Full PDB file with SEQRES, HELIX, SHEET, SSBOND, CRYST1, ORIGX, SCALE, CONECT and MASTER records, all heavy atoms in Angstrom:
SEQRES   1 A   33  ALA PRO THR GLY SER GLY PHE TRP HIS TRP ALA VAL PHE          
SEQRES   2 A   33  ASP LEU PRO ALA ASP LEU ARG SER LEU PRO ALA GLY ALA          
SEQRES   3 A   33  GLY SER GLY ASP PRO THR ALA                                  
CRYST1    1.000    1.000    1.000  90.00  90.00  90.00 P 1           1          
ORIGX1      1.000000  0.000000  0.000000        0.00000                         
ORIGX2      0.000000  1.000000  0.000000        0.00000                         
ORIGX3      0.000000  0.000000  1.000000        0.00000                         
SCALE1      1.000000  0.000000  0.000000        0.00000                         
SCALE2      0.000000  1.000000  0.000000        0.00000                         
SCALE3      0.000000  0.000000  1.000000        0.00000                         
ATOM      1  N   ALA A   1     -28.956  30.822  54.554  1.00  0.00           N  
ATOM      2  CA  ALA A   1     -29.317  32.067  53.798  1.00  0.00           C  
ATOM      3  C   ALA A   1     -30.804  32.275  53.867  1.00  0.00           C  
ATOM      4  O   ALA A   1     -31.558  31.299  53.773  1.00  0.00           O  
ATOM      5  CB  ALA A   1     -28.824  31.944  52.395  1.00  0.00           C  
ATOM      6  N   PRO A   2     -31.229  33.491  54.005  1.00  0.00           N  
ATOM      7  CA  PRO A   2     -32.682  33.763  54.085  1.00  0.00           C  
ATOM      8  C   PRO A   2     -33.402  33.724  52.768  1.00  0.00           C  
ATOM      9  O   PRO A   2     -33.986  34.700  52.312  1.00  0.00           O  
ATOM     10  CB  PRO A   2     -32.735  35.159  54.748  1.00  0.00           C  
ATOM     11  CG  PRO A   2     -31.483  35.837  54.282  1.00  0.00           C  
ATOM     12  CD  PRO A   2     -30.476  34.733  54.212  1.00  0.00           C  
ATOM     13  N   THR A   3     -33.329  32.555  52.092  1.00  0.00           N  
ATOM     14  CA  THR A   3     -33.894  32.393  50.800  1.00  0.00           C  
ATOM     15  C   THR A   3     -35.007  31.331  50.745  1.00  0.00           C  
ATOM     16  O   THR A   3     -35.772  31.246  49.855  1.00  0.00           O  
ATOM     17  CB  THR A   3     -32.872  31.971  49.756  1.00  0.00           C  
ATOM     18  OG1 THR A   3     -32.344  30.713  50.146  1.00  0.00           O  
ATOM     19  CG2 THR A   3     -31.691  32.952  49.677  1.00  0.00           C  
ATOM     20  N   GLY A   4     -35.009  30.451  51.728  1.00  0.00           N  
ATOM     21  CA  GLY A   4     -35.886  29.302  51.686  1.00  0.00           C  
ATOM     22  C   GLY A   4     -35.317  28.104  50.992  1.00  0.00           C  
ATOM     23  O   GLY A   4     -35.776  26.990  51.103  1.00  0.00           O  
ATOM     24  N   SER A   5     -34.219  28.382  50.299  1.00  0.00           N  
ATOM     25  CA  SER A   5     -33.536  27.321  49.519  1.00  0.00           C  
ATOM     26  C   SER A   5     -32.077  27.284  49.674  1.00  0.00           C  
ATOM     27  O   SER A   5     -31.347  26.575  49.020  1.00  0.00           O  
ATOM     28  CB  SER A   5     -33.925  27.375  48.064  1.00  0.00           C  
ATOM     29  OG  SER A   5     -33.442  28.614  47.522  1.00  0.00           O  
ATOM     30  N   GLY A   6     -31.556  28.073  50.611  1.00  0.00           N  
ATOM     31  CA  GLY A   6     -30.097  28.151  50.851  1.00  0.00           C  
ATOM     32  C   GLY A   6     -29.363  28.950  49.760  1.00  0.00           C  
ATOM     33  O   GLY A   6     -30.033  29.638  48.961  1.00  0.00           O  
ATOM     34  N   PHE A   7     -28.015  28.890  49.784  1.00  0.00           N  
ATOM     35  CA  PHE A   7     -27.215  29.661  48.850  1.00  0.00           C  
ATOM     36  C   PHE A   7     -25.991  28.861  48.481  1.00  0.00           C  
ATOM     37  O   PHE A   7     -25.197  28.495  49.391  1.00  0.00           O  
ATOM     38  CB  PHE A   7     -26.844  31.002  49.478  1.00  0.00           C  
ATOM     39  CG  PHE A   7     -26.232  32.011  48.522  1.00  0.00           C  
ATOM     40  CD1 PHE A   7     -27.144  32.975  47.998  1.00  0.00           C  
ATOM     41  CD2 PHE A   7     -24.924  31.966  48.212  1.00  0.00           C  
ATOM     42  CE1 PHE A   7     -26.597  33.936  47.150  1.00  0.00           C  
ATOM     43  CE2 PHE A   7     -24.412  32.996  47.370  1.00  0.00           C  
ATOM     44  CZ  PHE A   7     -25.220  33.913  46.789  1.00  0.00           C  
ATOM     45  N   TRP A   8     -25.770  28.607  47.209  1.00  0.00           N  
ATOM     46  CA  TRP A   8     -24.610  27.887  46.737  1.00  0.00           C  
ATOM     47  C   TRP A   8     -23.467  28.864  46.445  1.00  0.00           C  
ATOM     48  O   TRP A   8     -23.614  29.791  45.676  1.00  0.00           O  
ATOM     49  CB  TRP A   8     -24.907  27.056  45.463  1.00  0.00           C  
ATOM     50  CG  TRP A   8     -25.893  25.990  45.705  1.00  0.00           C  
ATOM     51  CD1 TRP A   8     -27.254  26.017  45.546  1.00  0.00           C  
ATOM     52  CD2 TRP A   8     -25.556  24.675  46.192  1.00  0.00           C  
ATOM     53  NE1 TRP A   8     -27.786  24.768  45.895  1.00  0.00           N  
ATOM     54  CE2 TRP A   8     -26.784  23.959  46.321  1.00  0.00           C  
ATOM     55  CE3 TRP A   8     -24.402  24.024  46.552  1.00  0.00           C  
ATOM     56  CZ2 TRP A   8     -26.814  22.602  46.713  1.00  0.00           C  
ATOM     57  CZ3 TRP A   8     -24.478  22.707  46.932  1.00  0.00           C  
ATOM     58  CH2 TRP A   8     -25.696  22.017  47.048  1.00  0.00           C  
ATOM     59  N   HIS A   9     -22.268  28.605  47.042  1.00  0.00           N  
ATOM     60  CA  HIS A   9     -21.142  29.468  46.877  1.00  0.00           C  
ATOM     61  C   HIS A   9     -20.157  28.920  45.891  1.00  0.00           C  
ATOM     62  O   HIS A   9     -19.358  29.732  45.340  1.00  0.00           O  
ATOM     63  CB  HIS A   9     -20.404  29.647  48.239  1.00  0.00           C  
ATOM     64  CG  HIS A   9     -21.251  30.540  49.183  1.00  0.00           C  
ATOM     65  ND1 HIS A   9     -20.882  31.849  49.400  1.00  0.00           N  
ATOM     66  CD2 HIS A   9     -22.296  30.342  49.878  1.00  0.00           C  
ATOM     67  CE1 HIS A   9     -21.768  32.401  50.218  1.00  0.00           C  
ATOM     68  NE2 HIS A   9     -22.654  31.458  50.566  1.00  0.00           N  
ATOM     69  N   TRP A  10     -20.142  27.606  45.654  1.00  0.00           N  
ATOM     70  CA  TRP A  10     -19.141  27.029  44.724  1.00  0.00           C  
ATOM     71  C   TRP A  10     -19.535  25.589  44.436  1.00  0.00           C  
ATOM     72  O   TRP A  10     -20.050  24.892  45.330  1.00  0.00           O  
ATOM     73  CB  TRP A  10     -17.769  27.032  45.387  1.00  0.00           C  
ATOM     74  CG  TRP A  10     -16.573  26.773  44.557  1.00  0.00           C  
ATOM     75  CD1 TRP A  10     -16.390  26.895  43.229  1.00  0.00           C  
ATOM     76  CD2 TRP A  10     -15.303  26.288  45.054  1.00  0.00           C  
ATOM     77  NE1 TRP A  10     -15.112  26.620  42.842  1.00  0.00           N  
ATOM     78  CE2 TRP A  10     -14.448  26.176  43.922  1.00  0.00           C  
ATOM     79  CE3 TRP A  10     -14.800  25.896  46.297  1.00  0.00           C  
ATOM     80  CZ2 TRP A  10     -13.101  25.760  44.036  1.00  0.00           C  
ATOM     81  CZ3 TRP A  10     -13.469  25.466  46.392  1.00  0.00           C  
ATOM     82  CH2 TRP A  10     -12.686  25.370  45.263  1.00  0.00           C  
ATOM     83  N   ALA A  11     -19.350  25.155  43.227  1.00  0.00           N  
ATOM     84  CA  ALA A  11     -19.646  23.815  42.858  1.00  0.00           C  
ATOM     85  C   ALA A  11     -18.718  23.386  41.687  1.00  0.00           C  
ATOM     86  O   ALA A  11     -18.703  24.048  40.661  1.00  0.00           O  
ATOM     87  CB  ALA A  11     -21.038  23.656  42.375  1.00  0.00           C  
ATOM     88  N   VAL A  12     -17.975  22.273  41.865  1.00  0.00           N  
ATOM     89  CA  VAL A  12     -16.994  21.805  40.902  1.00  0.00           C  
ATOM     90  C   VAL A  12     -17.165  20.239  40.798  1.00  0.00           C  
ATOM     91  O   VAL A  12     -17.358  19.611  41.796  1.00  0.00           O  
ATOM     92  CB  VAL A  12     -15.578  22.090  41.383  1.00  0.00           C  
ATOM     93  CG1 VAL A  12     -14.563  21.615  40.321  1.00  0.00           C  
ATOM     94  CG2 VAL A  12     -15.323  23.555  41.682  1.00  0.00           C  
ATOM     95  N   PHE A  13     -17.131  19.798  39.538  1.00  0.00           N  
ATOM     96  CA  PHE A  13     -17.176  18.317  39.369  1.00  0.00           C  
ATOM     97  C   PHE A  13     -16.120  17.895  38.335  1.00  0.00           C  
ATOM     98  O   PHE A  13     -15.455  18.744  37.717  1.00  0.00           O  
ATOM     99  CB  PHE A  13     -18.582  17.844  39.009  1.00  0.00           C  
ATOM    100  CG  PHE A  13     -19.104  18.313  37.705  1.00  0.00           C  
ATOM    101  CD1 PHE A  13     -19.041  17.425  36.579  1.00  0.00           C  
ATOM    102  CD2 PHE A  13     -19.704  19.523  37.525  1.00  0.00           C  
ATOM    103  CE1 PHE A  13     -19.589  17.856  35.381  1.00  0.00           C  
ATOM    104  CE2 PHE A  13     -20.269  19.921  36.379  1.00  0.00           C  
ATOM    105  CZ  PHE A  13     -20.208  19.058  35.308  1.00  0.00           C  
ATOM    106  N   ASP A  14     -15.979  16.633  38.082  1.00  0.00           N  
ATOM    107  CA  ASP A  14     -15.007  16.014  37.237  1.00  0.00           C  
ATOM    108  C   ASP A  14     -13.615  16.362  37.653  1.00  0.00           C  
ATOM    109  O   ASP A  14     -12.688  16.402  36.863  1.00  0.00           O  
ATOM    110  CB  ASP A  14     -15.223  16.459  35.756  1.00  0.00           C  
ATOM    111  CG  ASP A  14     -16.448  15.767  35.119  1.00  0.00           C  
ATOM    112  OD1 ASP A  14     -17.061  14.952  35.763  1.00  0.00           O  
ATOM    113  OD2 ASP A  14     -16.750  16.100  33.974  1.00  0.00           O  
ATOM    114  N   LEU A  15     -13.372  16.463  38.983  1.00  0.00           N  
ATOM    115  CA  LEU A  15     -12.048  16.557  39.591  1.00  0.00           C  
ATOM    116  C   LEU A  15     -11.448  15.179  39.435  1.00  0.00           C  
ATOM    117  O   LEU A  15     -12.130  14.154  39.647  1.00  0.00           O  
ATOM    118  CB  LEU A  15     -12.079  17.086  40.980  1.00  0.00           C  
ATOM    119  CG  LEU A  15     -12.514  18.499  41.244  1.00  0.00           C  
ATOM    120  CD1 LEU A  15     -12.933  18.712  42.670  1.00  0.00           C  
ATOM    121  CD2 LEU A  15     -11.390  19.464  40.800  1.00  0.00           C  
ATOM    122  N   PRO A  16     -10.136  15.022  39.197  1.00  0.00           N  
ATOM    123  CA  PRO A  16      -9.525  13.746  39.073  1.00  0.00           C  
ATOM    124  C   PRO A  16      -9.558  12.939  40.389  1.00  0.00           C  
ATOM    125  O   PRO A  16      -9.457  13.497  41.443  1.00  0.00           O  
ATOM    126  CB  PRO A  16      -8.067  14.032  38.671  1.00  0.00           C  
ATOM    127  CG  PRO A  16      -7.899  15.515  38.754  1.00  0.00           C  
ATOM    128  CD  PRO A  16      -9.178  16.142  38.970  1.00  0.00           C  
ATOM    129  N   ALA A  17      -9.700  11.625  40.241  1.00  0.00           N  
ATOM    130  CA  ALA A  17      -9.879  10.730  41.375  1.00  0.00           C  
ATOM    131  C   ALA A  17      -8.647  10.692  42.260  1.00  0.00           C  
ATOM    132  O   ALA A  17      -8.721  10.419  43.463  1.00  0.00           O  
ATOM    133  CB  ALA A  17     -10.214   9.320  40.885  1.00  0.00           C  
ATOM    134  N   ASP A  18      -7.438  10.996  41.717  1.00  0.00           N  
ATOM    135  CA  ASP A  18      -6.244  10.931  42.518  1.00  0.00           C  
ATOM    136  C   ASP A  18      -5.916  12.261  43.255  1.00  0.00           C  
ATOM    137  O   ASP A  18      -4.943  12.358  43.991  1.00  0.00           O  
ATOM    138  CB  ASP A  18      -5.015  10.453  41.690  1.00  0.00           C  
ATOM    139  CG  ASP A  18      -4.752  11.368  40.518  1.00  0.00           C  
ATOM    140  OD1 ASP A  18      -5.500  12.297  40.220  1.00  0.00           O  
ATOM    141  OD2 ASP A  18      -3.691  11.144  39.840  1.00  0.00           O  
ATOM    142  N   LEU A  19      -6.711  13.246  43.058  1.00  0.00           N  
ATOM    143  CA  LEU A  19      -6.518  14.539  43.699  1.00  0.00           C  
ATOM    144  C   LEU A  19      -6.800  14.384  45.204  1.00  0.00           C  
ATOM    145  O   LEU A  19      -7.795  13.738  45.579  1.00  0.00           O  
ATOM    146  CB  LEU A  19      -7.440  15.591  43.089  1.00  0.00           C  
ATOM    147  CG  LEU A  19      -7.276  17.006  43.492  1.00  0.00           C  
ATOM    148  CD1 LEU A  19      -5.921  17.598  42.995  1.00  0.00           C  
ATOM    149  CD2 LEU A  19      -8.385  17.860  42.980  1.00  0.00           C  
ATOM    150  N   ARG A  20      -5.962  14.951  46.068  1.00  0.00           N  
ATOM    151  CA  ARG A  20      -6.155  14.792  47.522  1.00  0.00           C  
ATOM    152  C   ARG A  20      -6.266  16.174  48.222  1.00  0.00           C  
ATOM    153  O   ARG A  20      -6.462  16.279  49.421  1.00  0.00           O  
ATOM    154  CB  ARG A  20      -5.095  13.985  48.232  1.00  0.00           C  
ATOM    155  CG  ARG A  20      -5.159  12.535  47.883  1.00  0.00           C  
ATOM    156  CD  ARG A  20      -6.481  11.886  48.256  1.00  0.00           C  
ATOM    157  NE  ARG A  20      -6.580  10.526  47.751  1.00  0.00           N  
ATOM    158  CZ  ARG A  20      -7.147  10.275  46.530  1.00  0.00           C  
ATOM    159  NH1 ARG A  20      -7.695  11.220  45.820  1.00  0.00           N  
ATOM    160  NH2 ARG A  20      -7.181   9.016  46.088  1.00  0.00           N  
ATOM    161  N   SER A  21      -6.048  17.295  47.488  1.00  0.00           N  
ATOM    162  CA  SER A  21      -6.084  18.611  48.088  1.00  0.00           C  
ATOM    163  C   SER A  21      -6.244  19.695  47.042  1.00  0.00           C  
ATOM    164  O   SER A  21      -5.923  19.417  45.857  1.00  0.00           O  
ATOM    165  CB  SER A  21      -4.879  18.875  48.973  1.00  0.00           C  
ATOM    166  OG  SER A  21      -3.710  18.961  48.162  1.00  0.00           O  
ATOM    167  N   LEU A  22      -6.729  20.814  47.480  1.00  0.00           N  
ATOM    168  CA  LEU A  22      -6.731  22.024  46.689  1.00  0.00           C  
ATOM    169  C   LEU A  22      -6.113  23.192  47.505  1.00  0.00           C  
ATOM    170  O   LEU A  22      -6.397  23.289  48.702  1.00  0.00           O  
ATOM    171  CB  LEU A  22      -8.177  22.367  46.311  1.00  0.00           C  
ATOM    172  CG  LEU A  22      -8.873  21.470  45.325  1.00  0.00           C  
ATOM    173  CD1 LEU A  22     -10.364  21.881  45.203  1.00  0.00           C  
ATOM    174  CD2 LEU A  22      -8.221  21.605  43.975  1.00  0.00           C  
ATOM    175  N   PRO A  23      -5.279  23.971  46.889  1.00  0.00           N  
ATOM    176  CA  PRO A  23      -4.712  25.119  47.651  1.00  0.00           C  
ATOM    177  C   PRO A  23      -5.703  26.231  47.804  1.00  0.00           C  
ATOM    178  O   PRO A  23      -6.736  26.285  47.112  1.00  0.00           O  
ATOM    179  CB  PRO A  23      -3.565  25.537  46.738  1.00  0.00           C  
ATOM    180  CG  PRO A  23      -4.008  25.253  45.352  1.00  0.00           C  
ATOM    181  CD  PRO A  23      -4.816  23.934  45.522  1.00  0.00           C  
ATOM    182  N   ALA A  24      -5.450  27.057  48.793  1.00  0.00           N  
ATOM    183  CA  ALA A  24      -6.267  28.273  48.934  1.00  0.00           C  
ATOM    184  C   ALA A  24      -6.305  29.031  47.608  1.00  0.00           C  
ATOM    185  O   ALA A  24      -5.271  29.102  46.914  1.00  0.00           O  
ATOM    186  CB  ALA A  24      -5.748  29.204  50.043  1.00  0.00           C  
ATOM    187  N   GLY A  25      -7.429  29.518  47.215  1.00  0.00           N  
ATOM    188  CA  GLY A  25      -7.568  30.293  45.969  1.00  0.00           C  
ATOM    189  C   GLY A  25      -7.865  29.448  44.740  1.00  0.00           C  
ATOM    190  O   GLY A  25      -7.982  29.986  43.698  1.00  0.00           O  
ATOM    191  N   ALA A  26      -8.011  28.158  44.902  1.00  0.00           N  
ATOM    192  CA  ALA A  26      -8.319  27.271  43.747  1.00  0.00           C  
ATOM    193  C   ALA A  26      -9.629  27.583  43.127  1.00  0.00           C  
ATOM    194  O   ALA A  26      -9.896  27.331  41.950  1.00  0.00           O  
ATOM    195  CB  ALA A  26      -8.301  25.799  44.200  1.00  0.00           C  
ATOM    196  N   GLY A  27     -10.502  28.223  43.839  1.00  0.00           N  
ATOM    197  CA  GLY A  27     -11.841  28.653  43.317  1.00  0.00           C  
ATOM    198  C   GLY A  27     -11.867  29.999  42.679  1.00  0.00           C  
ATOM    199  O   GLY A  27     -12.968  30.624  42.538  1.00  0.00           O  
ATOM    200  N   SER A  28     -10.760  30.515  42.265  1.00  0.00           N  
ATOM    201  CA  SER A  28     -10.629  31.870  41.764  1.00  0.00           C  
ATOM    202  C   SER A  28     -11.414  32.142  40.412  1.00  0.00           C  
ATOM    203  O   SER A  28     -11.622  33.234  40.059  1.00  0.00           O  
ATOM    204  CB  SER A  28      -9.200  32.274  41.564  1.00  0.00           C  
ATOM    205  OG  SER A  28      -8.621  31.460  40.514  1.00  0.00           O  
ATOM    206  N   GLY A  29     -11.674  31.051  39.771  1.00  0.00           N  
ATOM    207  CA  GLY A  29     -12.290  31.170  38.432  1.00  0.00           C  
ATOM    208  C   GLY A  29     -11.293  31.107  37.302  1.00  0.00           C  
ATOM    209  O   GLY A  29     -11.628  31.003  36.166  1.00  0.00           O  
ATOM    210  N   ASP A  30      -9.967  31.194  37.668  1.00  0.00           N  
ATOM    211  CA  ASP A  30      -8.909  31.026  36.696  1.00  0.00           C  
ATOM    212  C   ASP A  30      -8.887  29.559  36.290  1.00  0.00           C  
ATOM    213  O   ASP A  30      -8.761  28.703  37.145  1.00  0.00           O  
ATOM    214  CB  ASP A  30      -7.570  31.399  37.318  1.00  0.00           C  
ATOM    215  CG  ASP A  30      -6.342  31.261  36.443  1.00  0.00           C  
ATOM    216  OD1 ASP A  30      -6.481  30.571  35.351  1.00  0.00           O  
ATOM    217  OD2 ASP A  30      -5.273  31.733  36.799  1.00  0.00           O  
ATOM    218  N   PRO A  31      -9.006  29.306  34.980  1.00  0.00           N  
ATOM    219  CA  PRO A  31      -9.087  27.883  34.543  1.00  0.00           C  
ATOM    220  C   PRO A  31      -7.868  27.030  34.902  1.00  0.00           C  
ATOM    221  O   PRO A  31      -7.946  25.854  35.018  1.00  0.00           O  
ATOM    222  CB  PRO A  31      -9.198  27.984  33.021  1.00  0.00           C  
ATOM    223  CG  PRO A  31      -9.540  29.414  32.709  1.00  0.00           C  
ATOM    224  CD  PRO A  31      -9.165  30.232  33.871  1.00  0.00           C  
ATOM    225  N   THR A  32      -6.709  27.694  35.180  1.00  0.00           N  
ATOM    226  CA  THR A  32      -5.482  26.923  35.479  1.00  0.00           C  
ATOM    227  C   THR A  32      -5.387  26.660  37.020  1.00  0.00           C  
ATOM    228  O   THR A  32      -4.507  25.962  37.449  1.00  0.00           O  
ATOM    229  CB  THR A  32      -4.239  27.696  35.054  1.00  0.00           C  
ATOM    230  OG1 THR A  32      -4.142  28.935  35.760  1.00  0.00           O  
ATOM    231  CG2 THR A  32      -4.263  27.980  33.553  1.00  0.00           C  
ATOM    232  N   ALA A  33      -6.377  27.201  37.797  1.00  0.00           N  
ATOM    233  CA  ALA A  33      -6.313  27.011  39.274  1.00  0.00           C  
ATOM    234  C   ALA A  33      -6.795  25.605  39.669  1.00  0.00           C  
ATOM    235  O   ALA A  33      -6.515  25.151  40.758  1.00  0.00           O  
ATOM    236  CB  ALA A  33      -7.136  28.054  39.948  1.00  0.00           C  
TER     237      ALA A  33                                                      
MASTER        0    0    0    0    0    0    0    6  236    1    0    3          
END                                                                             
């Protein structure tokens, strides 16, 4: 991105350790996704 510092599109943490995948659309912002 032409910013000098890049551009963050998504950031998530505290995902459970046993999770192995996310479906398309998991980043919708819906808390249940």
